[in-house]
PDB file of N, CA and C in Angstrom:
ATOM      1  N   UNK A   1       5.964 -70.251  79.393  1.00  0.00           N
ATOM      2  CA  UNK A   1       6.696 -69.036  79.123  1.00  0.00           C
ATOM      3  C   UNK A   1       5.691 -67.937  78.766  1.00  0.00           C
ATOM      4  N   UNK A   2       5.866 -66.783  79.372  1.00  0.00           N
ATOM      5  CA  UNK A   2       4.984 -65.638  79.142  1.00  0.00           C
ATOM      6  C   UNK A   2       5.348 -64.981  77.812  1.00  0.00           C
ATOM      7  N   UNK A   3       4.376 -64.936  76.885  1.00  0.00           N
ATOM      8  CA  UNK A   3       4.611 -64.354  75.562  1.00  0.00           C
ATOM      9  C   UNK A   3       4.016 -62.950  75.498  1.00  0.00           C
ATOM     10  N   UNK A   4       4.668 -62.103  74.700  1.00  0.00           N
ATOM     11  CA  UNK A   4       4.201 -60.726  74.512  1.00  0.00           C
ATOM     12  C   UNK A   4       3.916 -60.510  73.033  1.00  0.00           C
ATOM     13  N   UNK A   5       2.849 -59.790  72.747  1.00  0.00           N
ATOM     14  CA  UNK A   5       2.542 -59.365  71.388  1.00  0.00           C
ATOM     15  C   UNK A   5       3.198 -58.000  71.192  1.00  0.00           C
ATOM     16  N   UNK A   6       3.990 -57.884  70.152  1.00  0.00           N
ATOM     17  CA  UNK A   6       4.740 -56.656  69.917  1.00  0.00           C
ATOM     18  C   UNK A   6       4.406 -56.133  68.528  1.00  0.00           C
ATOM     19  N   UNK A   7       4.126 -54.850  68.453  1.00  0.00           N
ATOM     20  CA  UNK A   7       3.847 -54.192  67.187  1.00  0.00           C
ATOM     21  C   UNK A   7       4.989 -53.226  66.902  1.00  0.00           C
ATOM     22  N   UNK A   8       5.571 -53.347  65.708  1.00  0.00           N
ATOM     23  CA  UNK A   8       6.653 -52.441  65.323  1.00  0.00           C
ATOM     24  C   UNK A   8       6.329 -51.829  63.974  1.00  0.00           C
ATOM     25  N   UNK A   9       6.872 -50.656  63.736  1.00  0.00           N
ATOM     26  CA  UNK A   9       6.664 -49.959  62.464  1.00  0.00           C
ATOM     27  C   UNK A   9       8.030 -49.806  61.802  1.00  0.00           C
ATOM     28  N   UNK A  10       8.131 -50.367  60.593  1.00  0.00           N
ATOM     29  CA  UNK A  10       9.360 -50.276  59.816  1.00  0.00           C
ATOM     30  C   UNK A  10       9.002 -49.703  58.450  1.00  0.00           C
ATOM     31  N   UNK A  11       9.607 -48.583  58.125  1.00  0.00           N
ATOM     32  CA  UNK A  11       9.311 -47.858  56.888  1.00  0.00           C
ATOM     33  C   UNK A  11       7.809 -47.692  56.677  1.00  0.00           C
ATOM     34  N   UNK A  12       7.168 -47.145  57.701  1.00  0.00           N
ATOM     35  CA  UNK A  12       5.739 -46.813  57.678  1.00  0.00           C
ATOM     36  C   UNK A  12       4.828 -48.029  57.486  1.00  0.00           C
ATOM     37  N   UNK A  13       5.330 -49.215  57.732  1.00  0.00           N
ATOM     38  CA  UNK A  13       4.510 -50.415  57.638  1.00  0.00           C
ATOM     39  C   UNK A  13       4.516 -51.112  59.001  1.00  0.00           C
ATOM     40  N   UNK A  14       3.338 -51.523  59.446  1.00  0.00           N
ATOM     41  CA  UNK A  14       3.165 -52.129  60.771  1.00  0.00           C
ATOM     42  C   UNK A  14       3.364 -53.645  60.691  1.00  0.00           C
ATOM     43  N   UNK A  15       4.106 -54.183  61.652  1.00  0.00           N
ATOM     44  CA  UNK A  15       4.339 -55.627  61.747  1.00  0.00           C
ATOM     45  C   UNK A  15       4.021 -56.080  63.157  1.00  0.00           C
ATOM     46  N   UNK A  16       3.411 -57.250  63.278  1.00  0.00           N
ATOM     47  CA  UNK A  16       3.062 -57.834  64.574  1.00  0.00           C
ATOM     48  C   UNK A  16       3.943 -59.059  64.817  1.00  0.00           C
ATOM     49  N   UNK A  17       4.474 -59.158  66.026  1.00  0.00           N
ATOM     50  CA  UNK A  17       5.320 -60.289  66.401  1.00  0.00           C
ATOM     51  C   UNK A  17       4.919 -60.791  67.778  1.00  0.00           C
ATOM     52  N   UNK A  18       5.203 -62.046  68.003  1.00  0.00           N
ATOM     53  CA  UNK A  18       5.080 -62.626  69.338  1.00  0.00           C
ATOM     54  C   UNK A  18       6.483 -63.030  69.767  1.00  0.00           C
ATOM     55  N   UNK A  19       6.808 -62.724  70.999  1.00  0.00           N
ATOM     56  CA  UNK A  19       8.117 -63.104  71.521  1.00  0.00           C
ATOM     57  C   UNK A  19       8.002 -63.286  73.026  1.00  0.00           C
ATOM     58  N   UNK A  20       8.976 -63.964  73.636  1.00  0.00           N
ATOM     59  CA  UNK A  20       8.966 -64.054  75.096  1.00  0.00           C
ATOM     60  C   UNK A  20       8.948 -62.646  75.700  1.00  0.00           C
ATOM     61  N   UNK A  21       8.162 -62.476  76.734  1.00  0.00           N
ATOM     62  CA  UNK A  21       8.022 -61.153  77.354  1.00  0.00           C
ATOM     63  C   UNK A  21       9.377 -60.584  77.769  1.00  0.00           C
ATOM     64  N   UNK A  22      10.292 -61.453  78.183  1.00  0.00           N
ATOM     65  CA  UNK A  22      11.611 -60.997  78.624  1.00  0.00           C
ATOM     66  C   UNK A  22      12.451 -60.443  77.473  1.00  0.00           C
ATOM     67  N   UNK A  23      12.054 -60.737  76.224  1.00  0.00           N
ATOM     68  CA  UNK A  23      12.814 -60.280  75.059  1.00  0.00           C
ATOM     69  C   UNK A  23      12.122 -59.131  74.314  1.00  0.00           C
ATOM     70  N   UNK A  24      11.034 -58.622  74.880  1.00  0.00           N
ATOM     71  CA  UNK A  24      10.256 -57.562  74.224  1.00  0.00           C
ATOM     72  C   UNK A  24      11.109 -56.338  73.919  1.00  0.00           C
ATOM     73  N   UNK A  25      11.842 -55.846  74.899  1.00  0.00           N
ATOM     74  CA  UNK A  25      12.669 -54.654  74.689  1.00  0.00           C
ATOM     75  C   UNK A  25      13.755 -54.894  73.656  1.00  0.00           C
ATOM     76  N   UNK A  26      14.333 -56.099  73.655  1.00  0.00           N
ATOM     77  CA  UNK A  26      15.347 -56.426  72.651  1.00  0.00           C
ATOM     78  C   UNK A  26      14.756 -56.382  71.246  1.00  0.00           C
ATOM     79  N   UNK A  27      13.549 -56.918  71.090  1.00  0.00           N
ATOM     80  CA  UNK A  27      12.882 -56.901  69.787  1.00  0.00           C
ATOM     81  C   UNK A  27      12.589 -55.467  69.347  1.00  0.00           C
ATOM     82  N   UNK A  28      12.100 -54.649  70.266  1.00  0.00           N
ATOM     83  CA  UNK A  28      11.818 -53.248  69.934  1.00  0.00           C
ATOM     84  C   UNK A  28      13.088 -52.504  69.534  1.00  0.00           C
ATOM     85  N   UNK A  29      14.176 -52.742  70.246  1.00  0.00           N
ATOM     86  CA  UNK A  29      15.456 -52.104  69.910  1.00  0.00           C
ATOM     87  C   UNK A  29      15.961 -52.573  68.555  1.00  0.00           C
ATOM     88  N   UNK A  30      15.832 -53.868  68.262  1.00  0.00           N
ATOM     89  CA  UNK A  30      16.267 -54.407  66.973  1.00  0.00           C
ATOM     90  C   UNK A  30      15.437 -53.801  65.845  1.00  0.00           C
ATOM     91  N   UNK A  31      14.131 -53.689  66.053  1.00  0.00           N
ATOM     92  CA  UNK A  31      13.258 -53.112  65.033  1.00  0.00           C
ATOM     93  C   UNK A  31      13.602 -51.650  64.795  1.00  0.00           C
ATOM     94  N   UNK A  32      13.889 -50.915  65.842  1.00  0.00           N
ATOM     95  CA  UNK A  32      14.263 -49.503  65.715  1.00  0.00           C
ATOM     96  C   UNK A  32      15.581 -49.364  64.948  1.00  0.00           C
ATOM     97  N   UNK A  33      16.521 -50.244  65.255  1.00  0.00           N
ATOM     98  CA  UNK A  33      17.818 -50.240  64.577  1.00  0.00           C
ATOM     99  C   UNK A  33      17.640 -50.555  63.092  1.00  0.00           C
ATOM    100  N   UNK A  34      16.848 -51.604  62.793  1.00  0.00           N
ATOM    101  CA  UNK A  34      16.585 -51.983  61.406  1.00  0.00           C
ATOM    102  C   UNK A  34      15.874 -50.864  60.662  1.00  0.00           C
ATOM    103  N   UNK A  35      14.901 -50.258  61.287  1.00  0.00           N
ATOM    104  CA  UNK A  35      14.170 -49.152  60.665  1.00  0.00           C
ATOM    105  C   UNK A  35      15.124 -48.017  60.304  1.00  0.00           C
ATOM    106  N   UNK A  36      16.040 -47.697  61.197  1.00  0.00           N
ATOM    107  CA  UNK A  36      17.010 -46.627  60.930  1.00  0.00           C
ATOM    108  C   UNK A  36      17.904 -46.986  59.751  1.00  0.00           C
ATOM    109  N   UNK A  37      18.370 -48.227  59.696  1.00  0.00           N
ATOM    110  CA  UNK A  37      19.219 -48.671  58.579  1.00  0.00           C
ATOM    111  C   UNK A  37      18.456 -48.598  57.262  1.00  0.00           C
ATOM    112  N   UNK A  38      17.212 -49.061  57.282  1.00  0.00           N
ATOM    113  CA  UNK A  38      16.415 -49.064  56.058  1.00  0.00           C
ATOM    114  C   UNK A  38      16.076 -47.647  55.610  1.00  0.00           C
ATOM    115  N   UNK A  39      15.810 -46.762  56.544  1.00  0.00           N
ATOM    116  CA  UNK A  39      15.551 -45.353  56.202  1.00  0.00           C
ATOM    117  C   UNK A  39      16.793 -44.723  55.569  1.00  0.00           C
ATOM    118  N   UNK A  40      17.939 -45.035  56.131  1.00  0.00           N
ATOM    119  CA  UNK A  40      19.199 -44.510  55.614  1.00  0.00           C
ATOM    120  C   UNK A  40      19.399 -44.955  54.157  1.00  0.00           C
ATOM    121  N   UNK A  41      19.132 -46.212  53.876  1.00  0.00           N
ATOM    122  CA  UNK A  41      19.263 -46.730  52.512  1.00  0.00           C
ATOM    123  C   UNK A  41      18.231 -46.078  51.595  1.00  0.00           C
ATOM    124  N   UNK A  42      16.991 -46.017  52.056  1.00  0.00           N
ATOM    125  CA  UNK A  42      15.927 -45.413  51.245  1.00  0.00           C
ATOM    126  C   UNK A  42      16.226 -43.947  50.956  1.00  0.00           C
ATOM    127  N   UNK A  43      16.670 -43.213  51.984  1.00  0.00           N
ATOM    128  CA  UNK A  43      16.907 -41.778  51.836  1.00  0.00           C
ATOM    129  C   UNK A  43      18.124 -41.465  50.963  1.00  0.00           C
ATOM    130  N   UNK A  44      18.996 -42.460  50.767  1.00  0.00           N
ATOM    131  CA  UNK A  44      20.144 -42.231  49.882  1.00  0.00           C
ATOM    132  C   UNK A  44      19.686 -42.093  48.437  1.00  0.00           C
ATOM    133  N   UNK A  45      18.496 -42.643  48.128  1.00  0.00           N
ATOM    134  CA  UNK A  45      17.950 -42.544  46.782  1.00  0.00           C
ATOM    135  C   UNK A  45      18.560 -43.512  45.786  1.00  0.00           C
ATOM    136  N   UNK A  46      19.511 -44.329  46.226  1.00  0.00           N
ATOM    137  CA  UNK A  46      20.186 -45.246  45.308  1.00  0.00           C
ATOM    138  C   UNK A  46      19.450 -46.578  45.169  1.00  0.00           C
ATOM    139  N   UNK A  47      18.590 -46.899  46.141  1.00  0.00           N
ATOM    140  CA  UNK A  47      17.870 -48.166  46.133  1.00  0.00           C
ATOM    141  C   UNK A  47      16.383 -47.862  46.230  1.00  0.00           C
ATOM    142  N   UNK A  48      15.599 -48.444  45.334  1.00  0.00           N
ATOM    143  CA  UNK A  48      14.164 -48.193  45.294  1.00  0.00           C
ATOM    144  C   UNK A  48      13.417 -49.506  45.500  1.00  0.00           C
ATOM    145  N   UNK A  49      12.354 -49.447  46.266  1.00  0.00           N
ATOM    146  CA  UNK A  49      11.518 -50.622  46.491  1.00  0.00           C
ATOM    147  C   UNK A  49      11.823 -51.271  47.829  1.00  0.00           C
ATOM    148  N   UNK A  50      10.759 -51.606  48.548  1.00  0.00           N
ATOM    149  CA  UNK A  50      10.904 -52.183  49.887  1.00  0.00           C
ATOM    150  C   UNK A  50      11.708 -53.471  49.876  1.00  0.00           C
ATOM    151  N   UNK A  51      11.491 -54.332  48.881  1.00  0.00           N
ATOM    152  CA  UNK A  51      12.238 -55.595  48.809  1.00  0.00           C
ATOM    153  C   UNK A  51      13.731 -55.339  48.670  1.00  0.00           C
ATOM    154  N   UNK A  52      14.088 -54.449  47.778  1.00  0.00           N
ATOM    155  CA  UNK A  52      15.511 -54.158  47.557  1.00  0.00           C
ATOM    156  C   UNK A  52      16.139 -53.472  48.778  1.00  0.00           C
ATOM    157  N   UNK A  53      15.397 -52.572  49.384  1.00  0.00           N
ATOM    158  CA  UNK A  53      15.891 -51.899  50.595  1.00  0.00           C
ATOM    159  C   UNK A  53      16.100 -52.925  51.698  1.00  0.00           C
ATOM    160  N   UNK A  54      15.157 -53.860  51.847  1.00  0.00           N
ATOM    161  CA  UNK A  54      15.260 -54.902  52.872  1.00  0.00           C
ATOM    162  C   UNK A  54      16.484 -55.777  52.647  1.00  0.00           C
ATOM    163  N   UNK A  55      16.692 -56.188  51.405  1.00  0.00           N
ATOM    164  CA  UNK A  55      17.846 -57.043  51.093  1.00  0.00           C
ATOM    165  C   UNK A  55      19.144 -56.280  51.324  1.00  0.00           C
ATOM    166  N   UNK A  56      19.200 -55.026  50.906  1.00  0.00           N
ATOM    167  CA  UNK A  56      20.410 -54.227  51.115  1.00  0.00           C
ATOM    168  C   UNK A  56      20.698 -54.059  52.608  1.00  0.00           C
ATOM    169  N   UNK A  57      19.663 -53.790  53.398  1.00  0.00           N
ATOM    170  CA  UNK A  57      19.846 -53.654  54.852  1.00  0.00           C
ATOM    171  C   UNK A  57      20.332 -54.973  55.448  1.00  0.00           C
ATOM    172  N   UNK A  58      19.731 -56.079  55.011  1.00  0.00           N
ATOM    173  CA  UNK A  58      20.141 -57.395  55.519  1.00  0.00           C
ATOM    174  C   UNK A  58      21.599 -57.676  55.171  1.00  0.00           C
ATOM    175  N   UNK A  59      22.010 -57.372  53.951  1.00  0.00           N
ATOM    176  CA  UNK A  59      23.398 -57.587  53.549  1.00  0.00           C
ATOM    177  C   UNK A  59      24.358 -56.712  54.355  1.00  0.00           C
ATOM    178  N   UNK A  60      23.990 -55.455  54.547  1.00  0.00           N
ATOM    179  CA  UNK A  60      24.840 -54.563  55.343  1.00  0.00           C
ATOM    180  C   UNK A  60      24.980 -55.060  56.781  1.00  0.00           C
ATOM    181  N   UNK A  61      23.868 -55.483  57.381  1.00  0.00           N
ATOM    182  CA  UNK A  61      23.911 -55.971  58.760  1.00  0.00           C
ATOM    183  C   UNK A  61      24.679 -57.284  58.870  1.00  0.00           C
ATOM    184  N   UNK A  62      24.494 -58.177  57.879  1.00  0.00           N
ATOM    185  CA  UNK A  62      25.242 -59.438  57.875  1.00  0.00           C
ATOM    186  C   UNK A  62      26.738 -59.164  57.745  1.00  0.00           C
ATOM    187  N   UNK A  63      27.104 -58.207  56.905  1.00  0.00           N
ATOM    188  CA  UNK A  63      28.507 -57.832  56.738  1.00  0.00           C
ATOM    189  C   UNK A  63      29.084 -57.306  58.060  1.00  0.00           C
ATOM    190  N   UNK A  64      28.342 -56.430  58.734  1.00  0.00           N
ATOM    191  CA  UNK A  64      28.796 -55.906  60.028  1.00  0.00           C
ATOM    192  C   UNK A  64      28.949 -57.030  61.049  1.00  0.00           C
ATOM    193  N   UNK A  65      28.000 -57.961  61.060  1.00  0.00           N
ATOM    194  CA  UNK A  65      28.063 -59.094  61.987  1.00  0.00           C
ATOM    195  C   UNK A  65      29.301 -59.943  61.732  1.00  0.00           C
ATOM    196  N   UNK A  66      29.564 -60.262  60.474  1.00  0.00           N
ATOM    197  CA  UNK A  66      30.725 -61.088  60.141  1.00  0.00           C
ATOM    198  C   UNK A  66      32.032 -60.388  60.463  1.00  0.00           C
ATOM    199  N   UNK A  67      32.106 -59.085  60.209  1.00  0.00           N
ATOM    200  CA  UNK A  67      33.308 -58.330  60.579  1.00  0.00           C
ATOM    201  C   UNK A  67      33.509 -58.337  62.084  1.00  0.00           C
ATOM    202  N   UNK A  68      32.413 -58.188  62.835  1.00  0.00           N
ATOM    203  CA  UNK A  68      32.496 -58.222  64.290  1.00  0.00           C
ATOM    204  C   UNK A  68      32.964 -59.575  64.797  1.00  0.00           C
ATOM    205  N   UNK A  69      32.449 -60.632  64.203  1.00  0.00           N
ATOM    206  CA  UNK A  69      32.882 -61.980  64.586  1.00  0.00           C
ATOM    207  C   UNK A  69      34.363 -62.177  64.304  1.00  0.00           C
ATOM    208  N   UNK A  70      34.802 -61.687  63.161  1.00  0.00           N
ATOM    209  CA  UNK A  70      36.210 -61.809  62.793  1.00  0.00           C
ATOM    210  C   UNK A  70      37.093 -61.072  63.802  1.00  0.00           C
ATOM    211  N   UNK A  71      36.672 -59.860  64.179  1.00  0.00           N
ATOM    212  CA  UNK A  71      37.429 -59.099  65.192  1.00  0.00           C
ATOM    213  C   UNK A  71      37.440 -59.834  66.518  1.00  0.00           C
ATOM    214  N   UNK A  72      36.298 -60.422  66.896  1.00  0.00           N
ATOM    215  CA  UNK A  72      36.217 -61.168  68.151  1.00  0.00           C
ATOM    216  C   UNK A  72      37.154 -62.368  68.140  1.00  0.00           C
ATOM    217  N   UNK A  73      37.205 -63.069  66.998  1.00  0.00           N
ATOM    218  CA  UNK A  73      38.093 -64.226  66.891  1.00  0.00           C
ATOM    219  C   UNK A  73      39.549 -63.814  66.998  1.00  0.00           C
ATOM    220  N   UNK A  74      39.915 -62.693  66.354  1.00  0.00           N
ATOM    221  CA  UNK A  74      41.279 -62.196  66.456  1.00  0.00           C
ATOM    222  C   UNK A  74      41.605 -61.800  67.892  1.00  0.00           C
ATOM    223  N   UNK A  75      40.645 -61.156  68.553  1.00  0.00           N
ATOM    224  CA  UNK A  75      40.843 -60.741  69.934  1.00  0.00           C
ATOM    225  C   UNK A  75      41.003 -61.966  70.832  1.00  0.00           C
ATOM    226  N   UNK A  76      40.145 -62.965  70.644  1.00  0.00           N
ATOM    227  CA  UNK A  76      40.237 -64.188  71.442  1.00  0.00           C
ATOM    228  C   UNK A  76      41.586 -64.857  71.254  1.00  0.00           C
ATOM    229  N   UNK A  77      42.062 -64.894  70.015  1.00  0.00           N
ATOM    230  CA  UNK A  77      43.346 -65.506  69.711  1.00  0.00           C
ATOM    231  C   UNK A  77      44.478 -64.737  70.392  1.00  0.00           C
ATOM    232  N   UNK A  78      44.423 -63.421  70.295  1.00  0.00           N
ATOM    233  CA  UNK A  78      45.446 -62.569  70.900  1.00  0.00           C
ATOM    234  C   UNK A  78      45.452 -62.711  72.421  1.00  0.00           C
ATOM    235  N   UNK A  79      44.271 -62.699  73.012  1.00  0.00           N
ATOM    236  CA  UNK A  79      44.164 -62.845  74.467  1.00  0.00           C
ATOM    237  C   UNK A  79      44.662 -64.219  74.891  1.00  0.00           C
ATOM    238  N   UNK A  80      44.296 -65.240  74.116  1.00  0.00           N
ATOM    239  CA  UNK A  80      44.739 -66.598  74.422  1.00  0.00           C
ATOM    240  C   UNK A  80      46.251 -66.723  74.402  1.00  0.00           C
ATOM    241  N   UNK A  81      46.883 -66.109  73.414  1.00  0.00           N
ATOM    242  CA  UNK A  81      48.350 -66.148  73.333  1.00  0.00           C
ATOM    243  C   UNK A  81      48.978 -65.405  74.502  1.00  0.00           C
ATOM    244  N   UNK A  82      48.386 -64.292  74.875  1.00  0.00           N
ATOM    245  CA  UNK A  82      48.916 -63.502  76.005  1.00  0.00           C
ATOM    246  C   UNK A  82      48.787 -64.288  77.313  1.00  0.00           C
ATOM    247  N   UNK A  83      47.657 -64.950  77.507  1.00  0.00           N
ATOM    248  CA  UNK A  83      47.455 -65.753  78.716  1.00  0.00           C
ATOM    249  C   UNK A  83      48.448 -66.906  78.752  1.00  0.00           C
ATOM    250  N   UNK A  84      48.651 -67.552  77.606  1.00  0.00           N
ATOM    251  CA  UNK A  84      49.614 -68.659  77.540  1.00  0.00           C
ATOM    252  C   UNK A  84      51.013 -68.169  77.899  1.00  0.00           C
ATOM    253  N   UNK A  85      51.403 -67.005  77.367  1.00  0.00           N
ATOM    254  CA  UNK A  85      52.717 -66.449  77.660  1.00  0.00           C
ATOM    255  C   UNK A  85      52.869 -66.127  79.145  1.00  0.00           C
ATOM    256  N   UNK A  86      51.826 -65.525  79.731  1.00  0.00           N
ATOM    257  CA  UNK A  86      51.880 -65.200  81.160  1.00  0.00           C
ATOM    258  C   UNK A  86      51.937 -66.463  82.019  1.00  0.00           C
ATOM    259  N   UNK A  87      51.154 -67.477  81.632  1.00  0.00           N
ATOM    260  CA  UNK A  87      51.169 -68.728  82.385  1.00  0.00           C
ATOM    261  C   UNK A  87      52.562 -69.364  82.338  1.00  0.00           C
ATOM    262  N   UNK A  88      53.196 -69.344  81.170  1.00  0.00           N
ATOM    263  CA  UNK A  88      54.539 -69.909  81.033  1.00  0.00           C
ATOM    264  C   UNK A  88      55.546 -69.138  81.879  1.00  0.00           C
ATOM    265  N   UNK A  89      55.407 -67.818  81.921  1.00  0.00           N
ATOM    266  CA  UNK A  89      56.312 -67.006  82.755  1.00  0.00           C
ATOM    267  C   UNK A  89      56.114 -67.303  84.233  1.00  0.00           C
ATOM    268  N   UNK A  90      54.839 -67.454  84.649  1.00  0.00           N
ATOM    269  CA  UNK A  90      54.549 -67.764  86.049  1.00  0.00           C
ATOM    270  C   UNK A  90      55.125 -69.135  86.406  1.00  0.00           C
ATOM    271  N   UNK A  91      54.891 -70.121  85.557  1.00  0.00           N
ATOM    272  CA  UNK A  91      55.402 -71.472  85.816  1.00  0.00           C
ATOM    273  C   UNK A  91      56.921 -71.481  85.869  1.00  0.00           C
ATOM    274  N   UNK A  92      57.551 -70.747  84.960  1.00  0.00           N
ATOM    275  CA  UNK A  92      59.009 -70.675  84.943  1.00  0.00           C
ATOM    276  C   UNK A  92      59.529 -70.012  86.213  1.00  0.00           C
ATOM    277  N   UNK A  93      58.886 -68.927  86.627  1.00  0.00           N
ATOM    278  CA  UNK A  93      59.310 -68.225  87.837  1.00  0.00           C
ATOM    279  C   UNK A  93      59.124 -69.099  89.063  1.00  0.00           C
ATOM    280  N   UNK A  94      58.022 -69.852  89.106  1.00  0.00           N
ATOM    281  CA  UNK A  94      57.790 -70.741  90.252  1.00  0.00           C
ATOM    282  C   UNK A  94      58.829 -71.869  90.298  1.00  0.00           C
ATOM    283  N   UNK A  95      59.208 -72.347  89.136  1.00  0.00           N
ATOM    284  CA  UNK A  95      60.211 -73.412  89.082  1.00  0.00           C
ATOM    285  C   UNK A  95      61.575 -72.926  89.565  1.00  0.00           C
ATOM    286  N   UNK A  96      61.927 -71.713  89.221  1.00  0.00           N
ATOM    287  CA  UNK A  96      63.257 -71.200  89.586  1.00  0.00           C
ATOM    288  C   UNK A  96      63.226 -70.442  90.903  1.00  0.00           C
ATOM    289  N   UNK A  97      62.026 -70.201  91.430  1.00  0.00           N
ATOM    290  CA  UNK A  97      61.914 -69.507  92.708  1.00  0.00           C
ATOM    291  C   UNK A  97      62.197 -68.020  92.610  1.00  0.00           C
ATOM    292  N   UNK A  98      62.108 -67.452  91.429  1.00  0.00           N
ATOM    293  CA  UNK A  98      62.372 -66.029  91.254  1.00  0.00           C
ATOM    294  C   UNK A  98      61.093 -65.226  91.394  1.00  0.00           C
ATOM    295  N   UNK A  99      61.294 -63.948  91.701  1.00  0.00           N
ATOM    296  CA  UNK A  99      60.161 -63.052  91.761  1.00  0.00           C
ATOM    297  C   UNK A  99      59.765 -62.649  90.340  1.00  0.00           C
ATOM    298  N   UNK A 100      58.469 -62.637  90.084  1.00  0.00           N
ATOM    299  CA  UNK A 100      57.951 -62.353  88.752  1.00  0.00           C
ATOM    300  C   UNK A 100      57.619 -60.871  88.619  1.00  0.00           C
ATOM    301  N   UNK A 101      58.122 -60.246  87.556  1.00  0.00           N
ATOM    302  CA  UNK A 101      57.776 -58.850  87.260  1.00  0.00           C
ATOM    303  C   UNK A 101      56.848 -58.843  86.068  1.00  0.00           C
ATOM    304  N   UNK A 102      55.638 -58.231  86.254  1.00  0.00           N
ATOM    305  CA  UNK A 102      54.672 -58.169  85.168  1.00  0.00           C
ATOM    306  C   UNK A 102      54.679 -56.830  84.509  1.00  0.00           C
TER     307      UNK A 102
END
């Protein structure tokens, strides 16, 4: 696997990473996103210190991830119920030989 050395700057500090070359752009985008979140927290003036800013950013991102997963699960459940209902209507229509209106 072809590896790439990637340098990113987060809150004026340089970090070096190695990742698969195919994931280089994803890593750069993630670092840019994290840097923006951390700058936003730092610039609010409510949190001081790189460690605390990092933890706050991690908690905020984890919260967003969990909310997104929850929405995805609700969507999957809703779509699944809709598909089941449509399948039952199709099967019922085929059994009775009626035309199906969607």
